[in-house]
Protein backbone atom coordinates (compact mmCIF):
# COMPACT_ATOMS: atom_id res chain seq x y z
CA MET A 1 -26.74 24.93 -25.06
CA ARG A 2 -28.14 24.21 -21.54
CA ALA A 3 -29.13 20.54 -21.74
CA PRO A 4 -30.80 18.93 -18.58
CA LEU A 5 -28.77 16.09 -17.52
CA ARG A 6 -30.76 13.86 -15.35
CA PRO A 7 -29.32 10.44 -14.92
CA ALA A 8 -30.74 8.01 -12.10
CA VAL A 9 -29.82 4.93 -13.01
CA ALA A 10 -30.73 1.87 -15.21
CA ALA A 11 -33.73 2.65 -17.59
CA ALA A 12 -35.06 -0.13 -19.84
CA LEU A 13 -35.93 1.17 -23.17
CA ALA A 14 -37.26 -1.96 -25.11
CA ALA A 15 -40.34 -1.40 -27.30
CA LEU A 16 -43.37 -3.45 -26.52
CA VAL A 17 -45.43 -4.46 -29.42
CA LEU A 18 -48.34 -6.68 -28.67
CA ALA A 19 -50.03 -7.86 -32.08
CA GLY A 20 -53.11 -10.09 -32.72
CA CYS A 21 -54.48 -9.82 -29.21
CA GLY A 22 -58.29 -9.87 -28.98
CA PRO A 23 -59.90 -8.09 -26.02
CA ALA A 24 -59.49 -9.66 -22.56
CA SER A 25 -61.48 -9.09 -19.40
CA ASP A 26 -59.74 -7.78 -16.24
CA ALA A 27 -59.41 -11.42 -14.96
CA ASP A 28 -57.73 -12.48 -18.03
CA ARG A 29 -55.06 -9.68 -17.89
CA ARG A 30 -54.55 -10.24 -14.01
CA PRO A 31 -51.40 -12.38 -13.62
CA SER A 32 -51.44 -15.23 -11.27
CA ALA A 33 -49.19 -15.26 -8.23
CA ALA A 34 -47.19 -18.15 -9.51
CA ALA A 35 -46.61 -16.64 -12.95
CA ASP A 36 -45.60 -13.28 -11.47
CA ALA A 37 -43.30 -14.79 -8.81
CA ALA A 38 -40.08 -15.44 -10.83
CA PRO A 39 -39.90 -12.16 -12.75
CA ARG A 40 -40.63 -10.22 -9.59
CA ALA A 41 -38.05 -11.87 -7.88
CA LEU A 42 -35.58 -10.86 -10.60
CA VAL A 43 -36.75 -7.23 -10.41
CA GLY A 44 -36.08 -7.36 -6.51
CA THR A 45 -32.51 -8.89 -7.23
CA TRP A 46 -31.85 -6.26 -9.92
CA HIS A 47 -32.86 -3.58 -7.50
CA ARG A 48 -31.09 -4.64 -4.41
CA SER A 49 -27.77 -5.44 -6.25
CA LEU A 50 -27.81 -1.80 -8.02
CA VAL A 51 -28.69 -0.02 -4.84
CA GLY A 52 -26.05 -2.15 -2.89
CA GLY A 53 -23.31 -1.80 -5.50
CA GLU A 54 -23.05 -5.58 -5.89
CA LYS A 55 -21.76 -5.46 -9.56
CA GLU A 56 -21.36 -9.00 -10.42
CA ARG A 57 -24.91 -9.90 -8.96
CA TYR A 58 -26.29 -6.83 -10.92
CA LEU A 59 -24.59 -7.97 -13.98
CA ALA A 60 -25.75 -11.52 -13.69
CA CYS A 61 -29.46 -10.21 -13.76
CA PHE A 62 -29.02 -9.48 -17.68
CA ALA A 63 -28.60 -11.29 -20.96
CA GLY A 64 -27.41 -9.84 -24.27
CA SER A 65 -24.60 -8.94 -26.64
CA LYS A 66 -21.15 -7.61 -25.51
CA ASP A 67 -21.93 -3.94 -26.42
CA ASP A 68 -25.44 -4.17 -24.61
CA LEU A 69 -23.87 -5.41 -21.54
CA VAL A 70 -21.10 -2.72 -21.52
CA LEU A 71 -24.20 -0.36 -21.61
CA VAL A 72 -25.53 -2.14 -18.53
CA LEU A 73 -22.20 -1.74 -16.70
CA ALA A 74 -22.22 2.03 -17.62
CA VAL A 75 -25.66 2.39 -15.99
CA PHE A 76 -24.26 0.82 -12.96
CA GLU A 77 -21.17 3.00 -12.88
CA ALA A 78 -23.43 6.05 -13.08
CA VAL A 79 -25.72 5.09 -10.60
CA GLN A 80 -22.78 4.45 -7.99
CA ALA A 81 -21.19 7.73 -9.01
CA ALA A 82 -24.58 9.55 -8.36
CA TYR A 83 -24.78 7.81 -4.73
CA ALA A 84 -21.02 8.70 -4.13
CA PHE A 85 -21.53 12.49 -5.25
CA HIS A 86 -24.73 12.74 -3.00
CA ASP A 87 -22.95 11.14 -0.05
CA ALA A 88 -20.03 13.43 -0.28
CA VAL A 89 -22.13 16.35 -0.39
CA VAL A 90 -23.92 15.36 2.85
CA ALA A 91 -20.71 14.37 4.56
CA ALA A 92 -18.95 17.85 3.73
CA TYR A 93 -21.83 20.02 4.23
CA GLY A 94 -24.79 18.38 5.94
CA PRO A 95 -28.14 16.97 4.85
CA GLU A 96 -29.49 20.16 3.92
CA ALA A 97 -26.75 21.20 1.44
CA TRP A 98 -28.17 18.20 -0.91
CA GLN A 99 -31.34 20.29 -1.30
CA VAL A 100 -29.47 23.48 -1.95
CA PHE A 101 -27.63 21.88 -4.49
CA GLN A 102 -30.58 20.25 -6.27
CA SER A 103 -32.38 23.70 -6.17
CA GLY A 104 -29.37 25.52 -8.04
CA LYS A 105 -29.78 26.48 -11.82
CA GLY A 106 -28.29 23.93 -13.95
CA THR A 107 -27.64 20.24 -13.78
CA ARG A 108 -29.22 18.08 -11.20
CA VAL A 109 -28.09 14.77 -9.98
CA ASP A 110 -31.11 12.31 -9.70
CA LEU A 111 -30.52 9.33 -7.66
CA PHE A 112 -31.91 5.78 -8.28
CA PRO A 113 -34.54 4.97 -5.56
CA ARG A 114 -32.77 3.39 -2.65
CA ASP A 115 -35.98 2.27 -0.70
CA PRO A 116 -36.70 -1.29 -1.01
CA ALA A 117 -40.24 -0.52 -1.04
CA TRP A 118 -39.96 1.38 -4.40
CA THR A 119 -40.08 -2.04 -6.14
CA ARG A 120 -43.61 -2.37 -5.31
CA THR A 121 -44.42 0.50 -7.70
CA ILE A 122 -43.43 -1.58 -10.57
CA THR A 123 -46.16 -3.60 -12.30
CA VAL A 124 -44.96 -6.93 -13.60
CA VAL A 125 -46.91 -8.55 -16.39
CA PRO A 126 -46.03 -12.19 -17.24
CA MET A 127 -46.79 -13.31 -20.73
CA GLY A 128 -45.76 -17.02 -21.05
CA ARG A 129 -41.73 -17.18 -21.09
CA SER A 130 -41.44 -13.34 -21.26
CA ALA A 131 -42.54 -10.73 -18.68
CA PHE A 132 -42.77 -6.86 -18.75
CA GLY A 133 -41.86 -4.73 -15.76
CA TYR A 134 -43.63 -1.30 -15.95
CA LEU A 135 -41.55 1.25 -13.87
CA PRO A 136 -43.53 4.49 -12.83
CA ARG A 137 -41.65 6.92 -14.89
CA SER A 138 -39.94 4.84 -17.41
CA ARG A 139 -41.04 5.24 -21.12
CA VAL A 140 -41.27 1.44 -21.86
CA PRO A 141 -40.90 -1.57 -19.40
CA LEU A 142 -38.04 -3.77 -18.39
CA HIS A 143 -38.31 -6.74 -20.85
CA MET A 144 -37.62 -10.10 -19.08
CA THR A 145 -37.22 -13.47 -20.62
CA ASP A 146 -36.99 -17.17 -19.12
CA GLU A 147 -33.62 -18.69 -20.60
CA GLY A 148 -33.81 -22.39 -19.55
CA GLY A 149 -35.65 -21.82 -16.23
CA ARG A 150 -33.30 -18.74 -15.46
CA TRP A 151 -34.78 -15.32 -15.74
CA ARG A 152 -32.97 -12.44 -17.19
CA ILE A 153 -33.61 -8.94 -18.31
CA LEU A 154 -32.67 -8.29 -21.96
CA ALA A 155 -29.78 -5.72 -21.98
CA ALA A 156 -30.94 -4.60 -25.50
CA GLY A 157 -33.76 -2.81 -23.78
CA MET A 158 -31.39 -0.40 -21.96
CA VAL A 159 -30.19 1.17 -25.32
CA PRO A 160 -31.97 4.59 -25.89
CA PRO A 161 -33.81 5.22 -28.99
CA GLY A 162 -31.61 6.58 -31.77
CA LEU A 163 -28.25 5.50 -30.00
CA GLU A 164 -25.90 2.67 -30.28
CA ALA A 165 -25.35 0.82 -27.05
CA LYS A 166 -21.49 1.50 -27.17
CA ARG A 167 -22.02 5.23 -27.92
CA ALA A 168 -24.51 5.58 -25.06
CA ALA A 169 -22.29 3.60 -22.76
CA GLU A 170 -19.53 6.21 -23.45
CA TYR A 171 -21.77 9.05 -22.49
CA LEU A 172 -22.74 7.36 -19.13
CA PHE A 173 -19.06 6.60 -18.30
CA ARG A 174 -18.06 10.18 -18.80
CA TRP A 175 -20.97 11.22 -16.66
CA ALA A 176 -19.76 8.94 -13.90
CA ALA A 177 -16.22 10.15 -14.15
CA THR A 178 -17.56 13.85 -14.00
CA LEU A 179 -19.46 13.09 -10.66
CA ARG A 180 -16.58 11.24 -9.25
CA ARG A 181 -13.91 13.94 -9.94
CA LEU A 182 -16.02 16.60 -8.48
CA ALA A 183 -17.49 15.03 -5.44
CA PRO A 184 -16.60 17.42 -2.59
CA LYS A 185 -14.06 16.38 0.06
CA PRO A 186 -14.75 17.16 3.84
CA GLY A 187 -13.15 20.47 4.80
CA GLN A 188 -13.66 22.20 1.60
CA GLU A 189 -14.74 25.90 1.67
CA LYS A 190 -18.22 26.90 1.70
CA PHE A 191 -20.57 24.90 -0.39
CA SER A 192 -22.05 27.02 -3.42
CA ALA A 193 -25.04 25.32 -5.23
CA GLU A 194 -24.47 27.73 -8.16
CA LYS A 195 -20.75 26.99 -8.30
CA ALA A 196 -21.24 23.32 -8.08
CA THR A 197 -23.96 22.97 -10.60
CA ARG A 198 -21.92 24.92 -13.16
CA GLU A 199 -18.87 22.75 -12.60
CA VAL A 200 -20.90 19.70 -13.05
CA THR A 201 -22.34 20.93 -16.25
CA ASP A 202 -19.17 22.35 -17.71
CA GLU A 203 -17.10 19.24 -16.83
CA PHE A 204 -19.40 16.93 -18.43
CA ARG A 205 -19.66 19.17 -21.67
CA ALA A 206 -15.81 19.19 -21.69
CA ARG A 207 -15.76 15.45 -21.83
CA VAL A 208 -18.11 15.33 -24.85
CA SER A 209 -17.61 17.10 -28.29
CA ALA A 210 -19.95 20.03 -29.19
CA GLU A 211 -21.50 17.88 -31.91
CA ASP A 212 -22.21 15.03 -29.44
CA GLN A 213 -23.52 17.11 -26.53
CA PRO A 214 -27.31 16.83 -27.42
CA ALA A 215 -27.11 13.00 -27.88
CA ALA A 216 -25.08 12.90 -24.74
CA ALA A 217 -27.70 14.85 -22.81
CA ALA A 218 -30.67 12.62 -24.31
CA ALA A 219 -28.83 9.48 -23.53
CA VAL A 220 -28.25 10.48 -19.76
CA GLU A 221 -31.81 11.85 -19.60
CA ALA A 222 -33.19 8.33 -20.73
CA PHE A 223 -32.04 6.83 -17.59
CA MET A 224 -34.49 8.61 -15.19
CA LEU A 225 -36.31 5.96 -13.27
CA GLN A 226 -37.60 7.52 -10.15
């Protein structure tokens, strides 16, 4: 099996069901600046803390059960590991080496967008004490809620369909460990995209049973956010 393993860090996978809503004009659907402000500020904090590696600030953006919050932490670790892997490749072999690695056959390591302007591509739709953030390439939106005047992202929305939070978290922790172990060190011999992508693929598969490999690949794939 050759499963595409494409993590990027922290996808929100909550199902949005709007029942009993009558037709509305464009003006009715357009959120006011005041209603949009708090959830959009939360989106900005979530993005800055994830990109900046601020774990406590990032975790404070979420609300949920213990297992759901462990998955949120696993997303953070996978994103940080991907950044570290990228930076190590560039430091060891130069900026062009990353493109060589990404163009090789096999596993890609997608990076959660670092550009602060990326959050402008997220459409925030407030609905009373809830709000939804529609990411450009995510299947379903970030689900945010007002908890006593403090907005949070519902961590349950991070759970990929068909998987339990704990199991999905295990796969992401293993992916992060794979990237951290295989990150190249300055002074190593010639960089080989083919060898590197094969090593990343093989290492990750070695950390997951053959039976679980399809689910592991699907879990990692679910967190593409670019």
